Structures are given as C-alpha cells and as structure tokens.
C-alpha cells in the first residue's frame, strides 16, 4: 500500500468456511473473481495494443485522483513504460 490502510487478514480455512456457509459471501467472492479476471484481461490487451499515451489517458479517466498521489516511477511501471516516457507524455498533454 502506498497510503495508510486498514487491512483485515483471514486465514484460508476461515475464508473457505465463510464462502461455503454464507451464500451471499460466496456469490460476492465469485463475482469479485470474475471482475478481477475481466480487468486483468482488459489491462493485458491494452498493454499489448494501446499506445503509451492511450494507456496513460485511460488510467487518468479511470482513476482521476490517483495519478497525483502516486510517485511517477510507480505509475510508469504500472503502465508499462519508463518514467522518462511518462514525463514526456505528461508534458506533451499539458501543452495542449
């Protein structure tokens, strides 16, 4: 985590018991896994097909407040580019 965070740790056996015994938790867990898989696939496709600038613009559209709170190197790494490339993109967009 890059910011202060509260974290709840649940051991695997307890988690599995909750998923098995509480239908709403099981359904929410399944839905979360499906969303996670879809987001991962979309991110991989974007990394392979979109330009660096498009990936940055998509990130800004999805998470408008997050980019200002992340160190440049972390954001560049997440987007699959060098910090220098991200700096050039940001500079170019600020001129428009």
C-alpha atoms as a PDB file:
ATOM      1  CA  UNK A   1       0.000   0.000   0.000  1.00  0.00           C
ATOM      2  CA  UNK A   2       1.235   3.462  -0.777  1.00  0.00           C
ATOM      3  CA  UNK A   3      -1.104   5.146   1.705  1.00  0.00           C
ATOM      4  CA  UNK A   4      -2.289   4.349   5.219  1.00  0.00           C
ATOM      5  CA  UNK A   5      -4.561   1.336   5.010  1.00  0.00           C
ATOM      6  CA  UNK A   6      -6.629  -0.815   7.340  1.00  0.00           C
ATOM      7  CA  UNK A   7      -6.252  -4.458   6.482  1.00  0.00           C
ATOM      8  CA  UNK A   8      -8.240  -7.482   7.614  1.00  0.00           C
ATOM      9  CA  UNK A   9      -6.431 -10.792   7.416  1.00  0.00           C
ATOM     10  CA  UNK A  10      -8.411 -14.016   7.264  1.00  0.00           C
ATOM     11  CA  UNK A  11      -6.701 -17.388   7.114  1.00  0.00           C
ATOM     12  CA  UNK A  12      -7.543 -19.625   4.170  1.00  0.00           C
ATOM     13  CA  UNK A  13      -9.548 -22.161   6.174  1.00  0.00           C
ATOM     14  CA  UNK A  14     -11.774 -19.458   7.720  1.00  0.00           C
ATOM     15  CA  UNK A  15     -12.258 -17.792   4.350  1.00  0.00           C
ATOM     16  CA  UNK A  16     -13.247 -21.062   2.720  1.00  0.00           C
ATOM     17  CA  UNK A  17     -15.679 -21.806   5.536  1.00  0.00           C
ATOM     18  CA  UNK A  18     -17.329 -18.370   5.106  1.00  0.00           C
ATOM     19  CA  UNK A  19     -17.640 -18.867   1.328  1.00  0.00           C
ATOM     20  CA  UNK A  20     -19.145 -22.326   1.852  1.00  0.00           C
ATOM     21  CA  UNK A  21     -21.519 -21.440   4.685  1.00  0.00           C
ATOM     22  CA  UNK A  22     -22.745 -17.954   3.739  1.00  0.00           C
ATOM     23  CA  UNK A  23     -24.231 -17.910   0.241  1.00  0.00           C
ATOM     24  CA  UNK A  24     -24.041 -14.108  -0.092  1.00  0.00           C
ATOM     25  CA  UNK A  25     -20.311 -14.146   0.670  1.00  0.00           C
ATOM     26  CA  UNK A  26     -19.765 -16.978  -1.801  1.00  0.00           C
ATOM     27  CA  UNK A  27     -21.658 -15.101  -4.521  1.00  0.00           C
ATOM     28  CA  UNK A  28     -19.795 -11.845  -3.828  1.00  0.00           C
ATOM     29  CA  UNK A  29     -16.474 -13.670  -3.876  1.00  0.00           C
ATOM     30  CA  UNK A  30     -17.307 -15.328  -7.210  1.00  0.00           C
ATOM     31  CA  UNK A  31     -18.392 -12.005  -8.713  1.00  0.00           C
ATOM     32  CA  UNK A  32     -15.198 -10.366  -7.460  1.00  0.00           C
ATOM     33  CA  UNK A  33     -13.091 -13.075  -9.090  1.00  0.00           C
ATOM     34  CA  UNK A  34     -14.929 -12.610 -12.383  1.00  0.00           C
ATOM     35  CA  UNK A  35     -14.421  -8.831 -12.311  1.00  0.00           C
ATOM     36  CA  UNK A  36     -10.766  -9.292 -11.426  1.00  0.00           C
ATOM     37  CA  UNK A  37     -10.227 -11.671 -14.352  1.00  0.00           C
ATOM     38  CA  UNK A  38     -12.008  -9.328 -16.772  1.00  0.00           C
ATOM     39  CA  UNK A  39      -9.997  -6.316 -15.585  1.00  0.00           C
ATOM     40  CA  UNK A  40      -6.750  -8.283 -15.866  1.00  0.00           C
ATOM     41  CA  UNK A  41      -7.570  -9.369 -19.401  1.00  0.00           C
ATOM     42  CA  UNK A  42      -8.505  -5.828 -20.416  1.00  0.00           C
ATOM     43  CA  UNK A  43      -5.269  -4.487 -18.933  1.00  0.00           C
ATOM     44  CA  UNK A  44      -3.179  -7.090 -20.800  1.00  0.00           C
ATOM     45  CA  UNK A  45      -4.934  -6.353 -24.101  1.00  0.00           C
ATOM     46  CA  UNK A  46      -4.462  -2.621 -23.537  1.00  0.00           C
ATOM     47  CA  UNK A  47      -0.781  -3.086 -22.752  1.00  0.00           C
ATOM     48  CA  UNK A  48      -0.301  -5.004 -25.978  1.00  0.00           C
ATOM     49  CA  UNK A  49      -2.379  -2.830 -28.305  1.00  0.00           C
ATOM     50  CA  UNK A  50      -2.663   0.718 -26.930  1.00  0.00           C
ATOM     51  CA  UNK A  51      -0.015   3.403 -27.228  1.00  0.00           C
ATOM     52  CA  UNK A  52       1.731   4.648 -24.099  1.00  0.00           C
ATOM     53  CA  UNK A  53      -0.259   7.882 -24.276  1.00  0.00           C
ATOM     54  CA  UNK A  54      -3.542   5.996 -24.627  1.00  0.00           C
ATOM     55  CA  UNK A  55      -2.697   3.837 -21.598  1.00  0.00           C
ATOM     56  CA  UNK A  56      -1.967   6.980 -19.568  1.00  0.00           C
ATOM     57  CA  UNK A  57      -5.166   8.708 -20.695  1.00  0.00           C
ATOM     58  CA  UNK A  58      -7.195   5.594 -19.869  1.00  0.00           C
ATOM     59  CA  UNK A  59      -5.641   5.477 -16.393  1.00  0.00           C
ATOM     60  CA  UNK A  60      -6.448   9.166 -15.806  1.00  0.00           C
ATOM     61  CA  UNK A  61     -10.034   8.625 -16.945  1.00  0.00           C
ATOM     62  CA  UNK A  62     -10.470   5.621 -14.659  1.00  0.00           C
ATOM     63  CA  UNK A  63      -8.644   6.980 -11.607  1.00  0.00           C
ATOM     64  CA  UNK A  64      -8.625  10.785 -11.856  1.00  0.00           C
ATOM     65  CA  UNK A  65      -7.408  11.460  -8.317  1.00  0.00           C
ATOM     66  CA  UNK A  66      -4.920   8.620  -8.045  1.00  0.00           C
ATOM     67  CA  UNK A  67      -2.318   9.830 -10.546  1.00  0.00           C
ATOM     68  CA  UNK A  68      -1.478  12.849  -8.397  1.00  0.00           C
ATOM     69  CA  UNK A  69      -0.883  10.666  -5.354  1.00  0.00           C
ATOM     70  CA  UNK A  70       1.384   8.094  -6.996  1.00  0.00           C
ATOM     71  CA  UNK A  71       5.121   8.511  -7.438  1.00  0.00           C
ATOM     72  CA  UNK A  72       5.908   8.892 -11.140  1.00  0.00           C
ATOM     73  CA  UNK A  73       8.055   5.747 -11.199  1.00  0.00           C
ATOM     74  CA  UNK A  74       5.239   3.617  -9.753  1.00  0.00           C
ATOM     75  CA  UNK A  75       2.701   4.938 -12.231  1.00  0.00           C
ATOM     76  CA  UNK A  76       5.096   4.432 -15.137  1.00  0.00           C
ATOM     77  CA  UNK A  77       5.800   0.878 -14.024  1.00  0.00           C
ATOM     78  CA  UNK A  78       2.083   0.107 -13.737  1.00  0.00           C
ATOM     79  CA  UNK A  79       1.519   1.483 -17.236  1.00  0.00           C
ATOM     80  CA  UNK A  80       4.445  -0.459 -18.677  1.00  0.00           C
ATOM     81  CA  UNK A  81       6.665   2.448 -19.636  1.00  0.00           C
ATOM     82  CA  UNK A  82       9.739   4.241 -18.373  1.00  0.00           C
ATOM     83  CA  UNK A  83       9.388   7.258 -16.077  1.00  0.00           C
ATOM     84  CA  UNK A  84      11.012   9.357 -18.819  1.00  0.00           C
ATOM     85  CA  UNK A  85       8.351   8.319 -21.339  1.00  0.00           C
ATOM     86  CA  UNK A  86       5.596   9.127 -18.862  1.00  0.00           C
ATOM     87  CA  UNK A  87       7.167  12.539 -18.208  1.00  0.00           C
ATOM     88  CA  UNK A  88       7.253  13.281 -21.938  1.00  0.00           C
ATOM     89  CA  UNK A  89       3.604  12.258 -22.304  1.00  0.00           C
ATOM     90  CA  UNK A  90       2.520  14.408 -19.373  1.00  0.00           C
ATOM     91  CA  UNK A  91       4.492  17.371 -20.675  1.00  0.00           C
ATOM     92  CA  UNK A  92       3.010  16.966 -24.152  1.00  0.00           C
ATOM     93  CA  UNK A  93      -0.537  16.770 -22.792  1.00  0.00           C
ATOM     94  CA  UNK A  94      -0.055  19.796 -20.545  1.00  0.00           C
ATOM     95  CA  UNK A  95       0.806  21.900 -23.614  1.00  0.00           C
ATOM     96  CA  UNK A  96      -2.480  21.049 -25.349  1.00  0.00           C
END
